[in-house]
Every structure is written in structure tokens, then in C-alpha cells.
Protein backbone atom coordinates (compact mmCIF):
# COMPACT_ATOMS: atom_id res chain seq x y z
CA MET A 1 20.72 -66.90 -2.52
CA ILE A 2 19.19 -63.43 -1.99
CA HIS A 3 19.29 -63.92 1.67
CA LYS A 4 23.16 -64.63 1.88
CA ARG A 5 24.86 -61.86 3.56
CA TRP A 6 27.62 -61.83 0.81
CA PHE A 7 25.03 -61.43 -1.64
CA GLN A 8 23.70 -58.37 -0.02
CA VAL A 9 26.92 -56.73 0.80
CA LEU A 10 27.40 -57.06 -2.91
CA ILE A 11 24.37 -55.40 -3.86
CA THR A 12 25.10 -53.05 -1.35
CA GLY A 13 28.53 -52.14 -2.70
CA ILE A 14 26.77 -52.18 -6.53
CA LEU A 15 24.06 -49.64 -5.49
CA LEU A 16 26.34 -47.31 -3.47
CA SER A 17 28.74 -47.17 -6.92
CA LEU A 18 25.65 -46.45 -9.02
CA LEU A 19 24.68 -43.63 -6.70
CA ILE A 20 28.39 -41.99 -6.71
CA LEU A 21 28.37 -42.31 -10.13
CA LEU A 22 25.16 -40.79 -10.63
CA LEU A 23 26.12 -37.74 -8.30
CA HIS A 24 29.11 -37.17 -10.37
CA GLU A 25 27.10 -36.91 -13.42
CA ILE A 26 24.47 -34.63 -12.08
CA GLN A 27 27.26 -32.14 -10.22
CA PHE A 28 26.25 -29.33 -12.06
CA PHE A 29 22.76 -29.39 -10.38
CA PHE A 30 24.68 -29.11 -6.73
CA ALA A 31 26.89 -26.13 -8.30
CA PRO A 32 24.80 -23.32 -6.96
CA PHE A 33 24.53 -25.01 -3.53
CA LEU A 34 28.34 -25.43 -3.26
CA THR A 35 28.70 -21.66 -4.15
CA TYR A 36 26.17 -20.72 -1.31
CA ALA A 37 27.83 -23.11 1.10
CA GLY A 38 31.58 -21.52 0.35
CA ALA A 39 30.15 -18.36 0.76
CA ILE A 40 28.62 -18.64 4.06
CA ALA A 41 31.73 -21.25 5.53
CA PHE A 42 34.43 -18.45 6.50
CA PRO A 43 31.69 -16.69 8.76
CA LEU A 44 29.63 -19.55 9.78
CA ILE A 45 32.95 -21.43 10.98
CA GLY A 46 34.38 -18.39 12.43
CA GLY A 47 31.33 -17.71 14.12
CA GLY A 48 30.76 -21.14 15.33
CA ILE A 49 34.56 -20.76 17.04
CA LEU A 50 33.62 -17.63 18.88
CA PHE A 51 30.25 -19.40 19.95
CA TYR A 52 32.39 -22.09 21.85
CA ILE A 53 34.37 -19.26 23.12
CA SER A 54 31.62 -16.99 24.28
CA ARG A 55 28.62 -19.49 25.52
CA PRO A 56 30.80 -20.54 28.58
CA LEU A 57 31.45 -16.51 29.38
CA MET A 58 27.46 -15.51 28.38
CA HIS A 59 26.56 -18.40 30.97
CA PHE A 60 28.75 -16.88 33.55
CA ILE A 61 27.09 -13.71 33.22
CA GLU A 62 23.94 -14.68 33.32
CA HIS A 63 24.19 -16.75 36.27
CA TYR A 64 23.96 -13.34 38.21
CA LYS A 65 20.31 -13.08 36.63
CA VAL A 66 21.82 -10.58 33.70
CA PRO A 67 19.44 -10.91 31.08
CA ARG A 68 20.52 -12.96 27.85
CA LEU A 69 20.78 -9.50 25.69
CA LEU A 70 22.66 -7.71 28.01
CA ALA A 71 25.04 -10.74 28.63
CA ILE A 72 25.87 -10.99 24.97
CA PHE A 73 26.19 -7.33 24.63
CA ILE A 74 28.74 -7.29 27.42
CA VAL A 75 30.53 -10.26 25.83
CA PHE A 76 30.87 -8.28 22.50
CA ILE A 77 32.28 -5.35 24.76
CA ILE A 78 34.94 -7.84 26.13
CA TYR A 79 35.92 -8.57 22.37
CA LEU A 80 36.10 -5.07 21.51
CA LEU A 81 38.34 -4.50 24.42
CA ALA A 82 40.51 -7.30 23.61
CA GLY A 83 40.77 -6.18 20.08
CA PHE A 84 41.91 -2.62 20.87
CA PHE A 85 44.76 -3.93 23.53
CA ILE A 86 45.76 -6.32 20.66
CA VAL A 87 45.77 -3.25 17.94
CA GLN A 88 47.21 -0.89 20.13
CA PHE A 89 49.80 -2.78 22.54
CA ILE A 90 50.79 -6.13 20.90
CA ALA A 91 50.02 -5.58 16.79
CA PRO A 92 53.08 -2.40 16.50
CA ILE A 93 55.49 -4.70 18.29
CA ALA A 94 54.73 -7.99 15.97
CA GLN A 95 54.20 -5.92 12.46
CA GLU A 96 57.74 -4.37 13.47
CA GLN A 97 59.48 -7.74 14.00
CA PHE A 98 57.73 -9.52 11.07
CA THR A 99 58.88 -6.58 8.71
CA ARG A 100 62.72 -7.08 10.05
CA LEU A 101 62.42 -10.59 9.79
CA VAL A 102 61.33 -10.60 6.48
CA ASP A 103 64.02 -8.05 5.18
CA ASN A 104 66.34 -10.30 6.81
CA ILE A 105 65.47 -13.48 5.04
CA PRO A 106 67.79 -12.90 1.87
CA ARG A 107 71.25 -12.27 4.04
CA MET A 108 69.99 -15.64 5.92
CA SER A 109 69.76 -17.33 2.71
CA ASP A 110 73.21 -15.68 1.60
CA MET A 111 74.61 -17.20 4.95
CA ILE A 112 73.26 -20.37 4.09
CA GLY A 113 74.87 -20.35 0.61
CA GLU A 114 78.33 -19.46 1.98
CA THR A 115 78.50 -21.79 5.16
CA ILE A 116 77.83 -24.84 2.46
CA THR A 117 80.52 -23.71 0.13
CA TYR A 118 82.91 -23.24 2.31
CA TRP A 119 82.22 -26.46 4.38
CA GLN A 120 82.51 -28.12 0.88
CA GLN A 121 85.97 -26.53 0.04
CA ASN A 122 87.50 -27.78 3.22
CA GLN A 123 86.24 -31.46 2.68
CA ASP A 124 88.41 -33.71 0.64
CA ILE A 125 86.69 -37.08 1.15
CA ILE A 126 83.21 -36.19 0.46
CA PRO A 127 81.41 -38.92 -2.06
CA SER A 128 80.15 -37.03 -5.45
CA GLN A 129 77.20 -38.36 -5.19
CA PHE A 130 76.86 -36.49 -1.52
CA ASN A 131 77.70 -33.21 -3.14
CA ASP A 132 75.50 -33.25 -5.86
CA SER A 133 72.46 -34.15 -3.72
CA LEU A 134 73.75 -31.02 -0.92
CA ASN A 135 74.23 -28.49 -4.07
CA LYS A 136 70.51 -29.51 -4.86
CA VAL A 137 69.14 -29.05 -1.10
CA VAL A 138 71.09 -25.90 -1.04
CA GLU A 139 69.89 -24.43 -4.44
CA THR A 140 66.11 -25.35 -3.33
CA LEU A 141 66.69 -23.79 -0.08
CA GLN A 142 67.99 -20.59 -1.54
CA SER A 143 65.29 -20.49 -3.95
CA SER A 144 62.98 -20.98 -1.66
CA LEU A 145 64.03 -18.41 1.11
CA ASP A 146 64.42 -15.76 -2.23
CA ALA A 147 60.71 -16.43 -2.89
CA ALA A 148 59.42 -16.22 0.61
CA PRO A 149 58.94 -12.31 0.81
CA SER A 150 56.58 -12.96 -2.52
CA VAL A 151 54.97 -15.82 -0.70
CA ILE A 152 54.21 -14.09 2.48
CA ILE A 153 52.70 -10.83 0.35
CA ASP A 154 50.43 -13.45 -1.79
CA VAL A 155 49.08 -15.07 1.35
CA ILE A 156 48.66 -11.37 3.10
CA SER A 157 46.59 -10.20 -0.09
CA GLN A 158 44.42 -13.51 0.01
CA LEU A 159 43.70 -12.75 3.59
CA VAL A 160 42.36 -9.25 2.65
CA GLY A 161 39.62 -11.41 1.17
CA PHE A 162 38.59 -12.86 4.45
CA VAL A 163 38.09 -9.45 6.11
CA PHE A 164 34.62 -9.17 4.33
CA GLY A 165 33.98 -12.23 5.58
CA LEU A 166 34.93 -11.10 9.11
CA VAL A 167 32.07 -8.36 8.65
CA LEU A 168 29.65 -11.29 8.82
CA ILE A 169 31.01 -13.15 11.92
CA PRO A 170 29.52 -10.92 14.56
CA PHE A 171 26.14 -11.05 13.50
CA PHE A 172 26.46 -15.11 13.16
CA LEU A 173 27.83 -14.78 16.71
CA PHE A 174 25.27 -12.77 17.98
CA PHE A 175 21.91 -15.15 16.43
CA MET A 176 23.96 -18.31 17.37
CA LEU A 177 24.24 -16.86 21.39
CA LYS A 178 20.78 -15.67 21.14
CA ASP A 179 18.95 -18.34 19.25
CA GLY A 180 21.18 -21.28 19.12
CA HIS A 181 19.51 -23.43 21.89
CA LYS A 182 16.38 -23.24 19.79
CA LEU A 183 17.26 -25.13 16.88
CA VAL A 184 17.54 -28.71 18.18
CA PRO A 185 13.69 -28.50 19.81
CA PHE A 186 12.55 -26.73 16.55
CA LEU A 187 13.87 -29.53 14.22
CA THR A 188 12.83 -32.23 16.64
CA GLN A 189 9.01 -31.20 16.51
CA PHE A 190 8.65 -32.48 13.17
CA MET A 191 10.15 -35.89 14.12
CA ASN A 192 8.58 -38.80 15.87
CA LYS A 193 9.32 -39.48 19.73
CA ARG A 194 12.17 -42.34 19.15
CA VAL A 195 14.09 -40.33 16.02
CA ALA A 196 13.78 -37.07 18.11
CA ALA A 197 15.15 -38.50 21.27
CA SER A 198 18.28 -40.26 18.96
CA PHE A 199 18.87 -36.87 17.43
CA ASP A 200 18.36 -34.86 20.94
CA LYS A 201 21.39 -36.94 21.90
CA LEU A 202 23.16 -37.15 18.74
CA THR A 203 23.46 -33.37 18.84
CA LYS A 204 24.69 -33.10 22.56
CA SER A 205 27.30 -35.44 21.49
CA LEU A 206 28.46 -33.35 18.66
CA ASP A 207 28.26 -30.56 20.93
CA HIS A 208 30.22 -31.89 23.66
CA THR A 209 33.01 -32.97 20.76
CA LEU A 210 33.31 -29.86 19.40
CA ASN A 211 33.40 -27.69 22.74
CA SER A 212 35.90 -30.26 23.95
CA PHE A 213 38.29 -29.74 20.73
CA ILE A 214 37.83 -26.08 20.41
CA ILE A 215 38.29 -24.87 23.63
CA GLY A 216 40.77 -27.41 24.52
CA GLN A 217 42.90 -26.90 21.36
CA LEU A 218 42.61 -22.92 21.77
CA THR A 219 43.59 -22.90 25.91
CA VAL A 220 46.62 -25.44 24.84
CA SER A 221 47.81 -23.09 21.68
CA VAL A 222 47.46 -20.03 23.95
CA PHE A 223 49.54 -21.77 26.60
CA VAL A 224 52.22 -22.95 24.51
CA GLY A 225 52.56 -19.46 23.10
CA LEU A 226 52.77 -17.47 26.41
CA MET A 227 55.30 -19.99 27.40
CA LEU A 228 57.66 -19.67 24.31
CA LEU A 229 57.18 -15.99 24.73
CA VAL A 230 58.56 -16.20 28.41
CA GLY A 231 61.58 -18.52 27.27
CA TYR A 232 62.34 -16.49 23.89
CA LEU A 233 62.35 -13.14 26.21
CA ILE A 234 64.84 -14.84 28.61
CA ILE A 235 67.21 -15.94 26.19
CA GLY A 236 66.90 -12.54 24.04
CA LEU A 237 65.86 -14.18 20.87
CA ASP A 238 65.23 -11.97 17.95
CA TYR A 239 61.83 -11.62 16.72
CA SER A 240 60.29 -13.32 19.88
CA LEU A 241 56.89 -11.84 19.85
CA THR A 242 56.63 -12.67 15.88
CA LEU A 243 57.73 -16.23 16.65
CA ALA A 244 55.74 -17.16 19.81
CA LEU A 245 52.76 -15.67 17.59
CA PHE A 246 53.85 -17.91 15.26
CA ALA A 247 53.92 -21.25 17.33
CA MET A 248 50.41 -20.51 18.60
CA ILE A 249 48.91 -20.42 15.58
CA MET A 250 50.91 -23.55 14.51
CA ASN A 251 49.72 -25.50 18.04
CA VAL A 252 46.39 -24.98 16.91
CA ILE A 253 46.98 -28.23 14.14
CA PRO A 254 47.17 -31.43 16.72
CA PHE A 255 50.46 -33.45 16.90
CA VAL A 256 52.24 -31.76 13.79
CA GLY A 257 51.78 -28.12 14.86
CA PRO A 258 54.53 -28.31 17.64
CA PHE A 259 57.13 -29.17 15.03
CA LEU A 260 56.01 -26.79 12.71
CA ALA A 261 56.39 -24.19 15.28
CA VAL A 262 59.90 -24.45 15.94
CA ILE A 263 61.41 -24.55 12.73
CA PRO A 264 61.50 -20.58 11.93
CA ALA A 265 62.66 -20.14 15.60
CA MET A 266 65.55 -22.81 15.13
CA LEU A 267 66.79 -20.87 11.98
CA VAL A 268 66.53 -17.92 13.54
CA GLY A 269 68.05 -18.81 16.64
CA LEU A 270 71.27 -20.40 14.31
CA PHE A 271 71.83 -17.30 12.51
CA GLN A 272 71.68 -14.92 15.83
CA ASP A 273 74.05 -17.46 17.68
CA PRO A 274 74.42 -21.17 17.34
CA ILE A 275 74.04 -21.85 20.58
CA MET A 276 70.91 -20.04 20.71
CA ALA A 277 69.45 -22.99 18.65
CA VAL A 278 70.04 -25.32 21.50
CA TYR A 279 68.40 -22.81 23.97
CA VAL A 280 65.39 -22.60 21.69
CA ALA A 281 65.29 -26.65 21.54
CA ILE A 282 65.25 -26.69 25.12
CA ILE A 283 62.45 -24.24 25.66
CA MET A 284 60.38 -25.84 23.10
CA PHE A 285 60.91 -28.97 25.06
CA VAL A 286 60.08 -27.91 28.30
CA ALA A 287 57.11 -26.28 27.08
CA GLN A 288 55.87 -29.09 25.20
CA GLN A 289 56.28 -31.23 28.37
CA LEU A 290 54.04 -29.14 30.42
CA GLU A 291 51.46 -28.80 27.77
CA SER A 292 51.45 -32.44 27.24
CA ASN A 293 51.51 -33.66 30.99
CA LEU A 294 49.59 -30.80 32.65
CA VAL A 295 47.52 -28.75 30.53
CA SER A 296 46.24 -30.94 27.82
CA PRO A 297 45.02 -33.62 30.33
CA ASN A 298 43.11 -31.23 32.47
CA VAL A 299 41.58 -29.43 29.40
CA MET A 300 41.01 -31.76 26.91
CA GLY A 301 40.84 -35.01 28.66
CA LYS A 302 40.03 -38.27 27.03
CA ALA A 303 37.01 -36.03 25.20
CA LEU A 304 38.07 -36.87 21.90
CA SER A 305 39.75 -40.44 22.47
CA ILE A 306 41.87 -40.32 18.80
CA HIS A 307 44.83 -42.56 18.96
CA PRO A 308 47.95 -40.72 17.82
CA LEU A 309 48.92 -42.63 15.08
CA THR A 310 45.13 -42.11 13.60
CA ILE A 311 45.86 -38.10 14.10
CA ILE A 312 49.07 -38.59 12.15
CA THR A 313 47.22 -40.33 9.15
CA VAL A 314 44.42 -38.10 8.81
CA ILE A 315 46.41 -35.12 9.01
CA LEU A 316 48.93 -36.37 6.41
CA ALA A 317 45.81 -37.36 4.05
CA ALA A 318 43.99 -34.11 5.00
CA GLY A 319 46.83 -31.84 4.01
CA SER A 320 47.77 -33.52 0.81
CA LEU A 321 44.17 -33.05 -0.44
CA ALA A 322 43.38 -29.41 1.05
CA GLY A 323 46.66 -27.97 1.97
CA PHE A 324 46.70 -25.85 5.31
CA LEU A 325 42.96 -25.68 5.79
CA GLY A 326 43.27 -29.56 5.52
CA LEU A 327 45.66 -29.67 8.34
CA LEU A 328 43.28 -27.38 10.44
CA PHE A 329 39.90 -28.93 10.18
CA ALA A 330 40.89 -32.47 9.60
CA ILE A 331 40.94 -33.60 13.18
CA PRO A 332 37.79 -31.76 14.18
CA ALA A 333 35.78 -33.16 11.39
CA TYR A 334 37.23 -36.92 11.80
CA ALA A 335 35.98 -36.33 15.62
CA VAL A 336 32.50 -34.99 14.23
CA ILE A 337 32.26 -38.39 11.93
CA LYS A 338 33.42 -40.31 14.49
CA THR A 339 30.81 -39.25 17.05
CA ILE A 340 28.48 -39.58 14.19
CA ILE A 341 29.42 -43.26 13.54
CA SER A 342 29.86 -44.33 16.84
CA HIS A 343 25.96 -42.85 18.16
CA PHE A 344 24.18 -44.77 15.42
CA TYR A 345 26.54 -47.82 16.10
CA ASN A 346 25.45 -47.73 19.68
CA GLU A 347 22.02 -47.39 18.99
CA TRP A 348 22.16 -50.43 16.51
CA LEU A 349 23.57 -52.60 19.44
CA GLU A 350 20.86 -51.40 22.03
CA ARG A 351 18.04 -52.09 19.56
CA LYS A 352 19.79 -55.97 18.78
CA ALA A 353 19.98 -56.26 22.70
CA ALA A 354 16.31 -55.29 23.07
CA ARG A 355 15.12 -57.79 20.32
CA GLU A 356 17.15 -60.52 21.63
């Protein structure tokens, strides 16, 4: 019986369940390691993202016989110049528009309430159940809009805590650019030849997956943000720079981001002039069509090979479990896990074919 497939699967399931129970009981042992991982997670992730952005630029500079340290120094200078340009020219305009938008939120809330009340008073054939539901929606919307300034302030105060992590990001980035290529050879020297070859192949696949996602998603987001900024400026939409920057940030979230990006722009356009909301929808539609048919296929291609339904499912689950951070990191985490599983599955198939 012990050689039966169903029995082996049953024993494997029992052992995995016991392992999970054991890990849950001794989770206090892992608490210091989790605390350490949480402390370095932000600068490590931030440095990793900048690493994939900086590496092509560093290699381009090295192509002209520039030493690596000097190339890294030039990359840092470029980042400093870009930061100076943003702080000097873009940040003041965005801050002024953001302040005006926050100040106008209570007025928008009052206008919504007055519009709904007027509409209700001039309708004679609305079912009472519909009226009750509409009143609840209005109350919820008004309370949410009234609380928006305090929520925004809380978010900003939490972001201040990340400033300390930002200080460490340049150090992580420097050593990733300088010595990142030495990590895999250092680890493989302790492995036998077959395992080392497998590990080297796996790291190259993971590197390709992360590079495709990070570079591709950032390129797509910047493209959509610029397209929307130009469109908003053409139609004269208020807070155009702030709304375009918000859309650029939201487009980092695959599939769901574009729908989240258009909501504040539609609301602002509706309050500015009802026809403006139609213009905003047209601009967003044109930008998304250009992105999905022109930019994404050429930038990201089929590197991730993730079905749209899978993206929706993963994002919904991650958003429920981890909020905004779940939305942000769900797809790259899924892509990494998929790459690892595919790697070992393909190796298993190769070994099976070799045995046969």
C-alpha cells in the first residue's frame, strides 16, 4: 500500500500540515528575523527597483570604456540632477494644485449633497427603497469626502517615516551596481556542478522576469502620465499636473491601476464642467489604447505571460490581504513564484525524459 500514489500524496499532505502547525507554534523564534527583514525591506526593495533602472544606463556608460565606479558616480549625478529638476520646477506646481484640491473637497461634498437632494425633490415616482439606498450612499460619500483631508494628512505623516529608509537606498543601490554580478558566482562555489548550473539558470530567469516587469511597468506608467498631462492641459482641466502624477502612480498597478487613475479626474471634471468629464473619459480611453496596443507589446512583450483573469484574481486577493502594498507587489511576487515553479517543473521533465 505504501507504494500507492494516493497513499504517498496523503502522507505528504499530513507531513506538510504538521510542518505548518510546528512553524505556527514556534513563530516566536522567527520574530527577530521578521523584524530585521521588515527594517531592511523598504531600502532593499527601493534599491532593487533603482538597480534595474540604473543597470542599463551603467552598462551604456561602461560601453565607452568608462570604469565601473566612475559609471556609477555618473548615474548618481544623473539622479541628483533629475531630483533637482523635480524639486525646483515640478514639485511647487504639484504642491499648489494638491493644496487647492484638498481645500475644495468639502465644497465638492456639499455640491454632491445639494445635487442629490434637488434631484430627489423633483422626482415623484422614485420607489422608497431606492430613496433609502440613495440616502445611505450620499451619507457614506459625504462622510468619506469630509474625512479625506485627515486621511491624506495621515498618509503624509506615515510617508515621513519612510524618509529614514530613503537615506539607506543610495547605499544599497551603490553596492548592487558595484558587486551585484558577484553574488551568484559566490553562492554557486559552494554547490556541486549540476545544482550550480540549475541555480545559475534560475537566477537568470528571475532577473529577466523582474527586469521585464519593473522597466516595462515604469515605462508604461510614465507614458500614460505624460499622455494624460498633455490631454488635461489641452482641455483645461483643473489640477492637471496633480491628476496626471496620480494617474502615473496608479498605473504601476497592473490592470486595475488605470481604472483607479481616472476616478479623481472624472470627479474634478464633473465639478468643473459636466462636459469636461466626457473629455477626460475620451483622453483616458485614447491613452489606454495607445498604451495597450503600442507601448506594452513593445516594452513588456510576452515576458510575464500572465493571463488577465489571473492578474485580476491575484490583485483582488492581495488587496484584501495587504491593502495598497498588496496591489503594488502582487503581480511581481506572482511572476517570481511562477518563474521558480516553472524552472523546477521543466527540470523535472528534463530529468524524466533523460531517464526514459
